[in-house]
Amino acid sequence: MASYVFMKVLESSAQRYDVGINMLSLGQSNRINREIVENYIAGGDKVLEIGCGTGTLAILCAEKGASVFGFDISPQMLGIAGKKIQERDLGDRVQLSEMGATEMDKAFSSETFDKVVSTLVFSELYSDEQKYVLGEAYRVLTHGGLIVIADEVRPNSLAKRIVQLLVRIPLIVITYIVTQTSTKALKGIENAIAGAGFEIVHQERRLFDSFGLYVARKG
């Protein structure tokens, strides 16, 4: 959905991020986090979250009994995540680190995690970075482990792409003025996932074909 472009603006006001992103996504952000945990996370899992933001998904995973390592490049977001984790007494289940996705090769050993999750992060990465992160996710997952990606995607039909583009243009301009960065809807992420060696076991699109959920297994 085009509103996800506002994610970068909201990051500059980290305290309002959770409420803002859920409002702009028409409740999709909270809903997808709950579905990921309900359907793909089990108690005892070791979970890596790429771009953990304010810790919402990491906390849900920990509350189900998983051990979570979440990292993010934003110290403001991590600060809020740390407070939320402390308030819920989940410090023994969630570890946070300030780092970027392209630093994964130095941070994690191979076959360390059962699940890798990422929401609204891949749309911030260039195609080469996406391939790198997918390759690293494959490396750090145990055999049979899952990667779960939820993000804005490029609609398949021309009509829907035109509508999305018309809505996105002013939002992209606003985002760049405020943050000097931008996001772009994912295109061909299915091919990138398969190219990293994963087998896609589930995929779906929502919100007028503009938001995708992808679940893939390390073979």
Protein backbone atom coordinates (compact mmCIF):
# COMPACT_ATOMS: atom_id res chain seq x y z
CA MET A 1 0.00 0.00 0.00
CA ALA A 2 1.29 3.44 -0.88
CA SER A 3 0.93 4.65 2.71
CA TYR A 4 3.92 2.52 3.65
CA VAL A 5 6.14 5.18 2.14
CA PHE A 6 5.35 7.16 5.30
CA MET A 7 7.34 4.58 7.29
CA LYS A 8 10.56 6.54 6.88
CA VAL A 9 8.86 9.74 8.06
CA LEU A 10 7.47 7.97 11.09
CA GLU A 11 10.91 6.65 12.02
CA SER A 12 11.98 10.23 12.72
CA SER A 13 9.25 10.31 15.38
CA ALA A 14 9.86 6.90 16.85
CA GLN A 15 7.48 7.31 19.76
CA ARG A 16 4.55 7.69 17.34
CA TYR A 17 5.73 4.96 14.99
CA ASP A 18 3.54 2.08 16.22
CA VAL A 19 0.31 4.06 16.21
CA GLY A 20 1.12 5.87 12.97
CA ILE A 21 2.16 2.89 10.88
CA ASN A 22 -0.85 0.86 11.99
CA MET A 23 -3.20 3.74 11.20
CA LEU A 24 -1.67 4.35 7.78
CA SER A 25 -1.80 0.63 6.95
CA LEU A 26 -5.48 0.40 7.94
CA GLY A 27 -4.59 -2.01 10.71
CA GLN A 28 -2.52 -4.26 8.43
CA SER A 29 0.72 -3.80 10.37
CA ASN A 30 -0.62 -5.15 13.66
CA ARG A 31 -2.62 -7.84 11.89
CA ILE A 32 0.31 -9.23 9.93
CA ASN A 33 2.53 -9.32 13.02
CA ARG A 34 -0.04 -11.37 14.90
CA GLU A 35 -0.50 -13.72 11.95
CA ILE A 36 3.23 -14.28 11.58
CA VAL A 37 3.55 -15.28 15.22
CA GLU A 38 0.38 -17.37 15.26
CA ASN A 39 1.18 -19.31 12.10
CA TYR A 40 4.96 -19.52 11.91
CA ILE A 41 6.57 -19.06 15.34
CA ALA A 42 6.75 -21.83 17.93
CA GLY A 43 7.85 -21.87 21.54
CA GLY A 44 11.56 -22.62 21.74
CA ASP A 45 12.32 -21.17 18.32
CA LYS A 46 15.43 -19.05 17.85
CA VAL A 47 14.24 -16.08 15.81
CA LEU A 48 16.19 -13.38 13.98
CA GLU A 49 14.29 -10.20 13.15
CA ILE A 50 15.78 -8.03 10.43
CA GLY A 51 14.86 -4.42 11.15
CA CYS A 52 13.05 -4.88 14.46
CA GLY A 53 11.99 -1.23 14.79
CA THR A 54 10.22 -0.57 18.08
CA GLY A 55 10.15 -4.27 18.94
CA THR A 56 6.47 -5.09 18.34
CA LEU A 57 7.04 -8.34 16.44
CA ALA A 58 10.01 -9.37 18.59
CA ILE A 59 7.87 -9.02 21.72
CA LEU A 60 5.06 -11.09 20.24
CA CYS A 61 7.55 -13.83 19.34
CA ALA A 62 9.07 -13.77 22.84
CA GLU A 63 5.65 -13.91 24.47
CA LYS A 64 5.03 -17.13 22.56
CA GLY A 65 8.20 -18.60 24.02
CA ALA A 66 10.77 -17.90 21.31
CA SER A 67 14.23 -16.45 21.84
CA VAL A 68 14.69 -13.40 19.62
CA PHE A 69 17.64 -11.44 18.31
CA GLY A 70 16.45 -8.21 16.74
CA PHE A 71 18.57 -5.58 15.07
CA ASP A 72 17.87 -2.18 13.60
CA ILE A 73 19.92 0.73 12.29
CA SER A 74 17.91 3.31 14.27
CA PRO A 75 19.04 3.91 17.88
CA GLN A 76 15.81 5.81 18.57
CA MET A 77 13.68 2.84 17.57
CA LEU A 78 15.88 0.46 19.55
CA GLY A 79 15.55 2.70 22.60
CA ILE A 80 11.78 2.40 22.49
CA ALA A 81 12.01 -1.34 21.83
CA GLY A 82 14.26 -1.76 24.85
CA LYS A 83 11.80 0.05 27.12
CA LYS A 84 8.87 -2.03 25.89
CA ILE A 85 10.83 -5.24 26.42
CA GLN A 86 11.85 -4.18 29.92
CA GLU A 87 8.28 -3.25 30.83
CA ARG A 88 7.15 -6.74 29.84
CA ASP A 89 10.05 -8.41 31.66
CA LEU A 90 11.23 -10.10 28.45
CA GLY A 91 14.90 -9.16 28.67
CA ASP A 92 15.90 -12.80 28.98
CA ARG A 93 14.17 -13.65 25.70
CA VAL A 94 14.95 -10.65 23.46
CA GLN A 95 18.39 -9.33 22.54
CA LEU A 96 18.74 -6.09 20.57
CA SER A 97 21.61 -4.72 18.51
CA GLU A 98 22.23 -1.53 16.54
CA MET A 99 23.41 -2.61 13.11
CA GLY A 100 22.45 -2.62 9.46
CA ALA A 101 21.20 -5.56 7.42
CA THR A 102 24.39 -5.55 5.33
CA GLU A 103 26.45 -6.39 8.43
CA MET A 104 24.90 -9.83 8.90
CA ASP A 105 27.94 -11.72 7.64
CA LYS A 106 30.03 -10.44 10.56
CA ALA A 107 27.37 -10.75 13.24
CA PHE A 108 25.96 -14.29 13.01
CA SER A 109 27.27 -17.82 12.68
CA SER A 110 25.82 -20.22 10.13
CA GLU A 111 22.72 -22.27 10.99
CA THR A 112 21.98 -20.29 14.17
CA PHE A 113 18.25 -19.49 13.81
CA ASP A 114 15.07 -21.48 13.22
CA LYS A 115 13.15 -18.52 11.79
CA VAL A 116 14.07 -15.20 10.16
CA VAL A 117 11.35 -12.53 10.03
CA SER A 118 11.24 -9.13 8.37
CA THR A 119 8.40 -6.65 7.94
CA LEU A 120 8.62 -3.44 5.90
CA VAL A 121 12.39 -3.62 5.54
CA PHE A 122 13.17 -5.11 2.12
CA SER A 123 11.41 -2.20 0.40
CA GLU A 124 14.12 0.06 1.85
CA LEU A 125 16.93 -1.98 0.29
CA TYR A 126 18.44 -1.85 -3.17
CA SER A 127 18.16 -5.04 -5.24
CA ASP A 128 21.78 -6.01 -4.55
CA GLU A 129 21.21 -5.50 -0.83
CA GLN A 130 18.07 -7.63 -0.98
CA LYS A 131 20.03 -10.46 -2.59
CA TYR A 132 22.77 -10.14 0.03
CA VAL A 133 20.32 -10.19 2.95
CA LEU A 134 18.43 -13.16 1.51
CA GLY A 135 21.71 -15.03 1.07
CA GLU A 136 22.70 -14.27 4.65
CA ALA A 137 19.27 -15.31 5.90
CA TYR A 138 19.71 -18.63 4.11
CA ARG A 139 23.13 -19.06 5.70
CA VAL A 140 22.05 -18.35 9.27
CA LEU A 141 18.94 -20.53 9.15
CA THR A 142 18.99 -24.14 10.25
CA HIS A 143 18.04 -26.79 7.70
CA GLY A 144 14.30 -26.56 7.15
CA GLY A 145 14.14 -23.12 8.78
CA LEU A 146 11.72 -20.48 7.53
CA ILE A 147 12.06 -16.89 6.38
CA VAL A 148 8.93 -14.74 6.59
CA ILE A 149 8.81 -11.43 4.70
CA ALA A 150 5.93 -8.96 4.74
CA ASP A 151 6.27 -5.78 2.71
CA GLU A 152 4.87 -3.39 0.14
CA VAL A 153 4.93 -4.91 -3.35
CA ARG A 154 4.33 -3.74 -6.91
CA PRO A 155 0.83 -4.69 -8.10
CA ASN A 156 0.66 -7.11 -11.00
CA SER A 157 -1.99 -5.34 -13.07
CA LEU A 158 -1.24 -2.15 -14.99
CA ALA A 159 -4.34 -0.39 -13.65
CA LYS A 160 -3.39 -1.06 -10.04
CA ARG A 161 0.20 0.02 -10.71
CA ILE A 162 -1.01 3.33 -12.15
CA VAL A 163 -3.18 4.01 -9.11
CA GLN A 164 -0.35 3.07 -6.76
CA LEU A 165 2.08 5.34 -8.62
CA LEU A 166 -0.28 8.33 -8.54
CA VAL A 167 -0.67 7.96 -4.78
CA ARG A 168 3.00 7.26 -4.14
CA ILE A 169 4.51 10.25 -5.97
CA PRO A 170 3.56 12.95 -3.40
CA LEU A 171 4.39 10.61 -0.53
CA ILE A 172 7.82 9.87 -1.97
CA VAL A 173 8.53 13.60 -2.25
CA ILE A 174 7.43 14.25 1.35
CA THR A 175 9.47 11.31 2.62
CA TYR A 176 12.63 12.48 0.84
CA ILE A 177 12.29 16.07 2.06
CA VAL A 178 11.90 14.94 5.67
CA THR A 179 14.36 12.02 5.79
CA GLN A 180 16.59 12.28 2.67
CA THR A 181 15.69 8.66 1.96
CA SER A 182 12.95 6.83 0.15
CA THR A 183 11.32 3.44 -0.25
CA LYS A 184 10.05 1.56 -3.27
CA ALA A 185 7.56 -1.25 -3.69
CA LEU A 186 9.20 -4.63 -4.14
CA LYS A 187 9.31 -6.02 -7.65
CA GLY A 188 10.14 -9.66 -8.34
CA ILE A 189 10.88 -10.51 -4.72
CA GLU A 190 9.64 -14.04 -5.39
CA ASN A 191 12.49 -14.57 -7.86
CA ALA A 192 15.03 -13.13 -5.42
CA ILE A 193 13.81 -15.45 -2.65
CA ALA A 194 14.03 -18.49 -4.92
CA GLY A 195 17.39 -17.33 -6.25
CA ALA A 196 18.82 -17.40 -2.73
CA GLY A 197 17.99 -21.11 -2.53
CA PHE A 198 14.69 -20.94 -0.67
CA GLU A 199 11.54 -22.89 -1.51
CA ILE A 200 8.49 -20.62 -1.28
CA VAL A 201 5.81 -22.46 0.69
CA HIS A 202 3.24 -19.68 0.98
CA GLN A 203 2.60 -16.31 -0.63
CA GLU A 204 -0.34 -13.95 -0.73
CA ARG A 205 -1.20 -10.36 -1.58
CA ARG A 206 -3.52 -7.95 0.20
CA LEU A 207 -4.72 -4.35 0.15
CA PHE A 208 -5.48 -4.12 -3.56
CA ASP A 209 -2.52 -6.31 -4.49
CA SER A 210 -0.01 -3.90 -2.92
CA PHE A 211 1.07 -5.74 0.25
CA GLY A 212 2.68 -9.17 0.14
CA LEU A 213 3.42 -11.96 2.60
CA TYR A 214 6.07 -14.52 1.63
CA VAL A 215 7.09 -17.61 3.56
CA ALA A 216 9.99 -19.73 2.32
CA ARG A 217 11.92 -22.73 3.61
CA LYS A 218 15.62 -23.48 3.55
CA GLY A 219 15.96 -26.77 1.71
